[in-house]
Amino acid sequence: MKLFKFFKGVIQEMKAVRWPTARENRRDSSIVVTVSLVFALFFALIDWGVQALITWLA
């Protein structure tokens, strides 16, 4: 019987969830992609700089 209570609680919680709209999904996804690209560029520049420094020192 505990299993049935568990699933009943899960169903109630899923009904209470406020799912994002398509517009919110697009906005949030574009933010994630933009931030990921910025971080990739940042780390690429850091990597390039460290590599250039090591080459210069060697």
PDB file of N, CA and C in Angstrom:
ATOM      1  N   MET A   1       0.810  -1.199   0.000  1.00  0.00           N
ATOM      2  CA  MET A   1       0.000   0.000   0.000  1.00  0.00           C
ATOM      3  C   MET A   1       0.856   1.267   0.000  1.00  0.00           C
ATOM      4  N   LYS A   2       2.063   1.194   0.544  1.00  0.00           N
ATOM      5  CA  LYS A   2       2.928   2.364   0.542  1.00  0.00           C
ATOM      6  C   LYS A   2       3.288   2.767  -0.881  1.00  0.00           C
ATOM      7  N   LEU A   3       3.407   1.768  -1.748  1.00  0.00           N
ATOM      8  CA  LEU A   3       3.751   2.044  -3.139  1.00  0.00           C
ATOM      9  C   LEU A   3       2.655   2.866  -3.808  1.00  0.00           C
ATOM     10  N   PHE A   4       1.394   2.536  -3.528  1.00  0.00           N
ATOM     11  CA  PHE A   4       0.284   3.288  -4.121  1.00  0.00           C
ATOM     12  C   PHE A   4       0.247   4.721  -3.588  1.00  0.00           C
ATOM     13  N   LYS A   5       0.547   4.907  -2.312  1.00  0.00           N
ATOM     14  CA  LYS A   5       0.604   6.255  -1.743  1.00  0.00           C
ATOM     15  C   LYS A   5       1.726   7.056  -2.399  1.00  0.00           C
ATOM     16  N   PHE A   6       2.845   6.383  -2.630  1.00  0.00           N
ATOM     17  CA  PHE A   6       3.969   7.050  -3.265  1.00  0.00           C
ATOM     18  C   PHE A   6       3.586   7.555  -4.648  1.00  0.00           C
ATOM     19  N   PHE A   7       2.993   6.686  -5.466  1.00  0.00           N
ATOM     20  CA  PHE A   7       2.630   7.084  -6.821  1.00  0.00           C
ATOM     21  C   PHE A   7       1.524   8.138  -6.823  1.00  0.00           C
ATOM     22  N   LYS A   8       0.614   8.072  -5.875  1.00  0.00           N
ATOM     23  CA  LYS A   8      -0.419   9.090  -5.762  1.00  0.00           C
ATOM     24  C   LYS A   8       0.217  10.442  -5.442  1.00  0.00           C
ATOM     25  N   GLY A   9       1.199  10.439  -4.548  1.00  0.00           N
ATOM     26  CA  GLY A   9       1.917  11.666  -4.225  1.00  0.00           C
ATOM     27  C   GLY A   9       2.689  12.200  -5.422  1.00  0.00           C
ATOM     28  N   VAL A  10       3.301  11.301  -6.201  1.00  0.00           N
ATOM     29  CA  VAL A  10       4.035  11.713  -7.395  1.00  0.00           C
ATOM     30  C   VAL A  10       3.101  12.383  -8.388  1.00  0.00           C
ATOM     31  N   ILE A  11       1.940  11.801  -8.605  1.00  0.00           N
ATOM     32  CA  ILE A  11       0.962  12.365  -9.544  1.00  0.00           C
ATOM     33  C   ILE A  11       0.505  13.742  -9.072  1.00  0.00           C
ATOM     34  N   GLN A  12       0.264  13.895  -7.779  1.00  0.00           N
ATOM     35  CA  GLN A  12      -0.159  15.190  -7.246  1.00  0.00           C
ATOM     36  C   GLN A  12       0.938  16.238  -7.442  1.00  0.00           C
ATOM     37  N   GLU A  13       2.175  15.860  -7.199  1.00  0.00           N
ATOM     38  CA  GLU A  13       3.279  16.798  -7.374  1.00  0.00           C
ATOM     39  C   GLU A  13       3.450  17.181  -8.845  1.00  0.00           C
ATOM     40  N   MET A  14       3.297  16.240  -9.747  1.00  0.00           N
ATOM     41  CA  MET A  14       3.444  16.530 -11.173  1.00  0.00           C
ATOM     42  C   MET A  14       2.347  17.484 -11.650  1.00  0.00           C
ATOM     43  N   LYS A  15       1.170  17.393 -11.066  1.00  0.00           N
ATOM     44  CA  LYS A  15       0.090  18.323 -11.424  1.00  0.00           C
ATOM     45  C   LYS A  15       0.367  19.727 -10.897  1.00  0.00           C
ATOM     46  N   ALA A  16       1.142  19.819  -9.802  1.00  0.00           N
ATOM     47  CA  ALA A  16       1.436  21.120  -9.189  1.00  0.00           C
ATOM     48  C   ALA A  16       2.603  21.832  -9.877  1.00  0.00           C
ATOM     49  N   VAL A  17       3.328  21.122 -10.716  1.00  0.00           N
ATOM     50  CA  VAL A  17       4.498  21.708 -11.374  1.00  0.00           C
ATOM     51  C   VAL A  17       4.045  22.742 -12.398  1.00  0.00           C
ATOM     52  N   ARG A  18       4.740  23.889 -12.429  1.00  0.00           N
ATOM     53  CA  ARG A  18       4.479  24.892 -13.459  1.00  0.00           C
ATOM     54  C   ARG A  18       5.530  24.702 -14.539  1.00  0.00           C
ATOM     55  N   TRP A  19       5.094  24.144 -15.663  1.00  0.00           N
ATOM     56  CA  TRP A  19       6.008  23.858 -16.755  1.00  0.00           C
ATOM     57  C   TRP A  19       6.288  25.135 -17.533  1.00  0.00           C
ATOM     58  N   PRO A  20       7.529  25.328 -18.006  1.00  0.00           N
ATOM     59  CA  PRO A  20       7.864  26.544 -18.752  1.00  0.00           C
ATOM     60  C   PRO A  20       7.187  26.563 -20.119  1.00  0.00           C
ATOM     61  N   THR A  21       6.934  27.771 -20.590  1.00  0.00           N
ATOM     62  CA  THR A  21       6.338  27.933 -21.917  1.00  0.00           C
ATOM     63  C   THR A  21       7.426  27.766 -22.974  1.00  0.00           C
ATOM     64  N   ALA A  22       7.013  27.684 -24.224  1.00  0.00           N
ATOM     65  CA  ALA A  22       7.979  27.558 -25.322  1.00  0.00           C
ATOM     66  C   ALA A  22       8.883  28.787 -25.372  1.00  0.00           C
ATOM     67  N   ARG A  23       8.311  29.961 -25.129  1.00  0.00           N
ATOM     68  CA  ARG A  23       9.108  31.194 -25.145  1.00  0.00           C
ATOM     69  C   ARG A  23      10.165  31.177 -24.050  1.00  0.00           C
ATOM     70  N   GLU A  24       9.779  30.731 -22.849  1.00  0.00           N
ATOM     71  CA  GLU A  24      10.736  30.640 -21.749  1.00  0.00           C
ATOM     72  C   GLU A  24      11.824  29.612 -22.054  1.00  0.00           C
ATOM     73  N   ASN A  25      11.446  28.502 -22.675  1.00  0.00           N
ATOM     74  CA  ASN A  25      12.434  27.490 -23.058  1.00  0.00           C
ATOM     75  C   ASN A  25      13.443  28.047 -24.056  1.00  0.00           C
ATOM     76  N   ARG A  26      12.956  28.778 -25.049  1.00  0.00           N
ATOM     77  CA  ARG A  26      13.863  29.370 -26.037  1.00  0.00           C
ATOM     78  C   ARG A  26      14.803  30.371 -25.385  1.00  0.00           C
ATOM     79  N   ARG A  27      14.263  31.212 -24.507  1.00  0.00           N
ATOM     80  CA  ARG A  27      15.080  32.216 -23.825  1.00  0.00           C
ATOM     81  C   ARG A  27      16.152  31.541 -22.969  1.00  0.00           C
ATOM     82  N   ASP A  28      15.743  30.584 -22.165  1.00  0.00           N
ATOM     83  CA  ASP A  28      16.692  29.917 -21.281  1.00  0.00           C
ATOM     84  C   ASP A  28      17.734  29.136 -22.071  1.00  0.00           C
ATOM     85  N   SER A  29      17.316  28.497 -23.147  1.00  0.00           N
ATOM     86  CA  SER A  29      18.261  27.745 -23.978  1.00  0.00           C
ATOM     87  C   SER A  29      19.268  28.671 -24.643  1.00  0.00           C
ATOM     88  N   SER A  30      18.803  29.821 -25.115  1.00  0.00           N
ATOM     89  CA  SER A  30      19.730  30.758 -25.752  1.00  0.00           C
ATOM     90  C   SER A  30      20.731  31.307 -24.736  1.00  0.00           C
ATOM     91  N   ILE A  31      20.301  31.511 -23.502  1.00  0.00           N
ATOM     92  CA  ILE A  31      21.218  31.961 -22.455  1.00  0.00           C
ATOM     93  C   ILE A  31      22.283  30.894 -22.196  1.00  0.00           C
ATOM     94  N   VAL A  32      21.870  29.642 -22.111  1.00  0.00           N
ATOM     95  CA  VAL A  32      22.814  28.553 -21.860  1.00  0.00           C
ATOM     96  C   VAL A  32      23.828  28.445 -22.998  1.00  0.00           C
ATOM     97  N   VAL A  33      23.359  28.516 -24.236  1.00  0.00           N
ATOM     98  CA  VAL A  33      24.261  28.419 -25.381  1.00  0.00           C
ATOM     99  C   VAL A  33      25.232  29.602 -25.397  1.00  0.00           C
ATOM    100  N   THR A  34      24.735  30.799 -25.153  1.00  0.00           N
ATOM    101  CA  THR A  34      25.585  31.996 -25.155  1.00  0.00           C
ATOM    102  C   THR A  34      26.655  31.922 -24.072  1.00  0.00           C
ATOM    103  N   VAL A  35      26.262  31.573 -22.862  1.00  0.00           N
ATOM    104  CA  VAL A  35      27.223  31.480 -21.765  1.00  0.00           C
ATOM    105  C   VAL A  35      28.248  30.373 -22.050  1.00  0.00           C
ATOM    106  N   SER A  36      27.800  29.271 -22.618  1.00  0.00           N
ATOM    107  CA  SER A  36      28.728  28.187 -22.966  1.00  0.00           C
ATOM    108  C   SER A  36      29.749  28.646 -23.990  1.00  0.00           C
ATOM    109  N   LEU A  37      29.309  29.387 -24.989  1.00  0.00           N
ATOM    110  CA  LEU A  37      30.238  29.894 -26.000  1.00  0.00           C
ATOM    111  C   LEU A  37      31.222  30.900 -25.409  1.00  0.00           C
ATOM    112  N   VAL A  38      30.744  31.755 -24.520  1.00  0.00           N
ATOM    113  CA  VAL A  38      31.626  32.728 -23.876  1.00  0.00           C
ATOM    114  C   VAL A  38      32.701  32.006 -23.051  1.00  0.00           C
ATOM    115  N   PHE A  39      32.289  31.010 -22.277  1.00  0.00           N
ATOM    116  CA  PHE A  39      33.255  30.261 -21.486  1.00  0.00           C
ATOM    117  C   PHE A  39      34.221  29.498 -22.381  1.00  0.00           C
ATOM    118  N   ALA A  40      33.740  28.913 -23.474  1.00  0.00           N
ATOM    119  CA  ALA A  40      34.626  28.201 -24.392  1.00  0.00           C
ATOM    120  C   ALA A  40      35.668  29.151 -24.977  1.00  0.00           C
ATOM    121  N   LEU A  41      35.239  30.340 -25.372  1.00  0.00           N
ATOM    122  CA  LEU A  41      36.172  31.331 -25.905  1.00  0.00           C
ATOM    123  C   LEU A  41      37.178  31.764 -24.831  1.00  0.00           C
ATOM    124  N   PHE A  42      36.694  32.002 -23.632  1.00  0.00           N
ATOM    125  CA  PHE A  42      37.566  32.403 -22.532  1.00  0.00           C
ATOM    126  C   PHE A  42      38.646  31.351 -22.279  1.00  0.00           C
ATOM    127  N   PHE A  43      38.242  30.092 -22.153  1.00  0.00           N
ATOM    128  CA  PHE A  43      39.214  29.039 -21.871  1.00  0.00           C
ATOM    129  C   PHE A  43      40.127  28.772 -23.060  1.00  0.00           C
ATOM    130  N   ALA A  44      39.643  28.970 -24.274  1.00  0.00           N
ATOM    131  CA  ALA A  44      40.501  28.834 -25.449  1.00  0.00           C
ATOM    132  C   ALA A  44      41.585  29.906 -25.433  1.00  0.00           C
ATOM    133  N   LEU A  45      41.221  31.134 -25.080  1.00  0.00           N
ATOM    134  CA  LEU A  45      42.207  32.209 -24.995  1.00  0.00           C
ATOM    135  C   LEU A  45      43.223  31.962 -23.885  1.00  0.00           C
ATOM    136  N   ILE A  46      42.760  31.484 -22.747  1.00  0.00           N
ATOM    137  CA  ILE A  46      43.665  31.161 -21.645  1.00  0.00           C
ATOM    138  C   ILE A  46      44.612  30.043 -22.079  1.00  0.00           C
ATOM    139  N   ASP A  47      44.079  29.019 -22.730  1.00  0.00           N
ATOM    140  CA  ASP A  47      44.903  27.909 -23.199  1.00  0.00           C
ATOM    141  C   ASP A  47      45.939  28.394 -24.201  1.00  0.00           C
ATOM    142  N   TRP A  48      45.513  29.240 -25.115  1.00  0.00           N
ATOM    143  CA  TRP A  48      46.441  29.784 -26.112  1.00  0.00           C
ATOM    144  C   TRP A  48      47.542  30.601 -25.436  1.00  0.00           C
ATOM    145  N   GLY A  49      47.168  31.408 -24.462  1.00  0.00           N
ATOM    146  CA  GLY A  49      48.142  32.230 -23.760  1.00  0.00           C
ATOM    147  C   GLY A  49      49.145  31.395 -22.977  1.00  0.00           C
ATOM    148  N   VAL A  50      48.685  30.380 -22.274  1.00  0.00           N
ATOM    149  CA  VAL A  50      49.585  29.518 -21.508  1.00  0.00           C
ATOM    150  C   VAL A  50      50.508  28.755 -22.456  1.00  0.00           C
ATOM    151  N   GLN A  51      49.940  28.280 -23.557  1.00  0.00           N
ATOM    152  CA  GLN A  51      50.757  27.558 -24.537  1.00  0.00           C
ATOM    153  C   GLN A  51      51.831  28.480 -25.131  1.00  0.00           C
ATOM    154  N   ALA A  52      51.470  29.708 -25.434  1.00  0.00           N
ATOM    155  CA  ALA A  52      52.440  30.662 -25.974  1.00  0.00           C
ATOM    156  C   ALA A  52      53.523  30.970 -24.937  1.00  0.00           C
ATOM    157  N   LEU A  53      53.137  31.100 -23.673  1.00  0.00           N
ATOM    158  CA  LEU A  53      54.099  31.360 -22.609  1.00  0.00           C
ATOM    159  C   LEU A  53      55.078  30.199 -22.450  1.00  0.00           C
ATOM    160  N   ILE A  54      54.546  28.984 -22.460  1.00  0.00           N
ATOM    161  CA  ILE A  54      55.418  27.804 -22.322  1.00  0.00           C
ATOM    162  C   ILE A  54      56.368  27.702 -23.513  1.00  0.00           C
ATOM    163  N   THR A  55      55.863  27.969 -24.710  1.00  0.00           N
ATOM    164  CA  THR A  55      56.713  27.926 -25.902  1.00  0.00           C
ATOM    165  C   THR A  55      57.799  28.989 -25.817  1.00  0.00           C
ATOM    166  N   TRP A  56      57.472  30.172 -25.328  1.00  0.00           N
ATOM    167  CA  TRP A  56      58.420  31.261 -25.202  1.00  0.00           C
ATOM    168  C   TRP A  56      59.514  30.943 -24.171  1.00  0.00           C
ATOM    169  N   LEU A  57      59.096  30.276 -23.077  1.00  0.00           N
ATOM    170  CA  LEU A  57      60.049  29.937 -22.036  1.00  0.00           C
ATOM    171  C   LEU A  57      60.951  28.767 -22.411  1.00  0.00           C
ATOM    172  N   ALA A  58      60.476  27.902 -23.272  1.00  0.00           N
ATOM    173  CA  ALA A  58      61.253  26.686 -23.597  1.00  0.00           C
ATOM    174  C   ALA A  58      62.340  26.942 -24.606  1.00  0.00           C
TER     175      ALA A  58
END
